[in-house]
C-alpha atoms as a PDB file:
ATOM      1  CA  MET A   1       7.159  10.138 -15.083  1.00  0.00           C
ATOM      2  CA  ASP A   2       9.874   9.651 -12.490  1.00  0.00           C
ATOM      3  CA  ASN A   3       9.360   8.281  -8.983  1.00  0.00           C
ATOM      4  CA  THR A   4       9.308  11.658  -7.250  1.00  0.00           C
ATOM      5  CA  GLN A   5       6.678  13.061  -9.625  1.00  0.00           C
ATOM      6  CA  LEU A   6       4.439  10.015  -9.170  1.00  0.00           C
ATOM      7  CA  GLU A   7       4.633  10.205  -5.387  1.00  0.00           C
ATOM      8  CA  GLN A   8       3.914  13.954  -5.433  1.00  0.00           C
ATOM      9  CA  GLN A   9       0.869  13.388  -7.650  1.00  0.00           C
ATOM     10  CA  LEU A  10      -0.374  10.625  -5.351  1.00  0.00           C
ATOM     11  CA  LYS A  11      -0.039  12.818  -2.261  1.00  0.00           C
ATOM     12  CA  GLN A  12      -1.993  15.597  -3.960  1.00  0.00           C
ATOM     13  CA  LEU A  13      -4.643  13.132  -5.192  1.00  0.00           C
ATOM     14  CA  ILE A  14      -5.135  11.639  -1.722  1.00  0.00           C
ATOM     15  CA  ILE A  15      -5.386  15.022  -0.001  1.00  0.00           C
ATOM     16  CA  ARG A  16      -7.906  16.175  -2.611  1.00  0.00           C
ATOM     17  CA  GLU A  17     -10.004  12.974  -2.683  1.00  0.00           C
ATOM     18  CA  CYS A  18     -10.072  12.690   1.128  1.00  0.00           C
ATOM     19  CA  ASP A  19     -10.985  16.388   1.467  1.00  0.00           C
ATOM     20  CA  LYS A  20      -7.999  17.131   3.730  1.00  0.00           C
ATOM     21  CA  GLU A  21      -6.703  20.218   1.873  1.00  0.00           C
ATOM     22  CA  ASP A  22      -7.411  22.487   4.849  1.00  0.00           C
ATOM     23  CA  ASP A  23      -5.892  20.056   7.373  1.00  0.00           C
ATOM     24  CA  ILE A  24      -2.711  18.616   5.839  1.00  0.00           C
ATOM     25  CA  ASP A  25      -0.119  20.004   3.446  1.00  0.00           C
ATOM     26  CA  TRP A  26       0.589  17.325   0.834  1.00  0.00           C
ATOM     27  CA  GLN A  27       4.301  18.190   0.965  1.00  0.00           C
ATOM     28  CA  SER A  28       4.455  17.147   4.635  1.00  0.00           C
ATOM     29  CA  ILE A  29       3.358  13.564   3.890  1.00  0.00           C
ATOM     30  CA  ASP A  30       6.101  10.954   4.034  1.00  0.00           C
ATOM     31  CA  ASN A  31       6.025   8.195   1.400  1.00  0.00           C
ATOM     32  CA  ASN A  32       5.949   5.527   4.132  1.00  0.00           C
ATOM     33  CA  GLU A  33       3.469   7.261   6.439  1.00  0.00           C
ATOM     34  CA  PRO A  34       0.354   5.154   7.168  1.00  0.00           C
ATOM     35  CA  LEU A  35      -2.803   6.331   5.413  1.00  0.00           C
ATOM     36  CA  PHE A  36      -5.204   4.420   7.689  1.00  0.00           C
ATOM     37  CA  GLY A  37      -5.511   3.891  11.421  1.00  0.00           C
ATOM     38  CA  GLN A  38      -4.944   5.722  14.671  1.00  0.00           C
ATOM     39  CA  ASN A  39      -1.297   6.473  13.850  1.00  0.00           C
ATOM     40  CA  SER A  40      -2.267   8.158  10.584  1.00  0.00           C
ATOM     41  CA  ARG A  41      -2.590  11.931  10.196  1.00  0.00           C
ATOM     42  CA  ILE A  42      -4.729  11.399   7.087  1.00  0.00           C
ATOM     43  CA  GLN A  43      -6.985   8.771   8.711  1.00  0.00           C
ATOM     44  CA  MET A  44      -8.541   7.454   5.527  1.00  0.00           C
ATOM     45  CA  ASP A  45     -11.745   5.469   5.933  1.00  0.00           C
ATOM     46  CA  SER A  46     -13.525   3.025   3.615  1.00  0.00           C
ATOM     47  CA  LEU A  47     -15.290   5.811   1.697  1.00  0.00           C
ATOM     48  CA  ASP A  48     -11.958   7.581   1.181  1.00  0.00           C
ATOM     49  CA  ALA A  49     -10.459   4.295  -0.034  1.00  0.00           C
ATOM     50  CA  LEU A  50     -13.233   3.927  -2.601  1.00  0.00           C
ATOM     51  CA  GLN A  51     -12.785   7.498  -3.833  1.00  0.00           C
ATOM     52  CA  VAL A  52      -9.006   7.104  -4.051  1.00  0.00           C
ATOM     53  CA  SER A  53      -9.395   3.771  -5.876  1.00  0.00           C
ATOM     54  CA  LEU A  54     -11.680   5.359  -8.458  1.00  0.00           C
ATOM     55  CA  ALA A  55      -9.324   8.329  -8.873  1.00  0.00           C
ATOM     56  CA  LEU A  56      -6.353   5.982  -9.360  1.00  0.00           C
ATOM     57  CA  GLN A  57      -8.267   4.120 -12.044  1.00  0.00           C
ATOM     58  CA  GLN A  58      -9.219   7.373 -13.765  1.00  0.00           C
ATOM     59  CA  HIS A  59      -5.805   9.070 -13.568  1.00  0.00           C
ATOM     60  CA  HIS A  60      -3.402   6.133 -13.774  1.00  0.00           C
ATOM     61  CA  GLY A  61      -5.418   3.374 -15.462  1.00  0.00           C
ATOM     62  CA  VAL A  62      -4.945   0.881 -12.618  1.00  0.00           C
ATOM     63  CA  ARG A  63      -7.772  -1.033 -11.030  1.00  0.00           C
ATOM     64  CA  ILE A  64      -7.778  -2.194  -7.416  1.00  0.00           C
ATOM     65  CA  GLU A  65      -9.845  -5.363  -7.243  1.00  0.00           C
ATOM     66  CA  GLY A  66     -11.871  -5.549  -4.047  1.00  0.00           C
ATOM     67  CA  ALA A  67     -11.403  -4.628  -0.420  1.00  0.00           C
ATOM     68  CA  LYS A  68      -8.659  -7.182   0.253  1.00  0.00           C
ATOM     69  CA  GLU A  69      -6.386  -5.796  -2.462  1.00  0.00           C
ATOM     70  CA  GLY A  70      -7.321  -2.258  -1.416  1.00  0.00           C
ATOM     71  CA  ARG A  71      -6.175  -2.940   2.148  1.00  0.00           C
ATOM     72  CA  GLN A  72      -2.826  -4.157   0.790  1.00  0.00           C
ATOM     73  CA  VAL A  73      -2.264  -1.380  -1.756  1.00  0.00           C
ATOM     74  CA  LEU A  74      -3.637   1.712  -0.021  1.00  0.00           C
ATOM     75  CA  THR A  75      -1.431   1.518   3.075  1.00  0.00           C
ATOM     76  CA  THR A  76       1.207   4.109   2.100  1.00  0.00           C
ATOM     77  CA  ILE A  77       2.139   6.384  -0.785  1.00  0.00           C
ATOM     78  CA  ALA A  78       5.106   4.105  -1.495  1.00  0.00           C
ATOM     79  CA  ASN A  79       2.827   1.037  -1.789  1.00  0.00           C
ATOM     80  CA  ILE A  80       0.416   2.821  -4.115  1.00  0.00           C
ATOM     81  CA  ALA A  81       3.294   4.042  -6.317  1.00  0.00           C
ATOM     82  CA  ALA A  82       4.759   0.518  -6.488  1.00  0.00           C
ATOM     83  CA  PHE A  83       1.327  -0.876  -7.462  1.00  0.00           C
ATOM     84  CA  ILE A  84       0.970   1.693 -10.244  1.00  0.00           C
ATOM     85  CA  ARG A  85       4.468   0.983 -11.589  1.00  0.00           C
ATOM     86  CA  GLN A  86       3.777  -2.754 -11.528  1.00  0.00           C
ATOM     87  CA  HIS A  87       0.375  -2.538 -13.256  1.00  0.00           C
ATOM     88  CA  ALA A  88       0.731   0.425 -15.605  1.00  0.00           C
END
């Protein structure tokens, strides 16, 4: 899978897992756009992070260990893709 395909899959996964399909078009998400916080259009919360972490484990075979690592990895699409490439 090339970089573009991975990032597209991640955008779709996040929109689906965070139940934002009616609010945000996955194609409009930038790879470096924040996923959490006031400046984020997606505005993930801790429950979203858990759901996304479980989906990443299921679909990509990577495991995010704990909240600290989750806060580091789940910041942007680019960070998640880099984590998957590093641990897959």
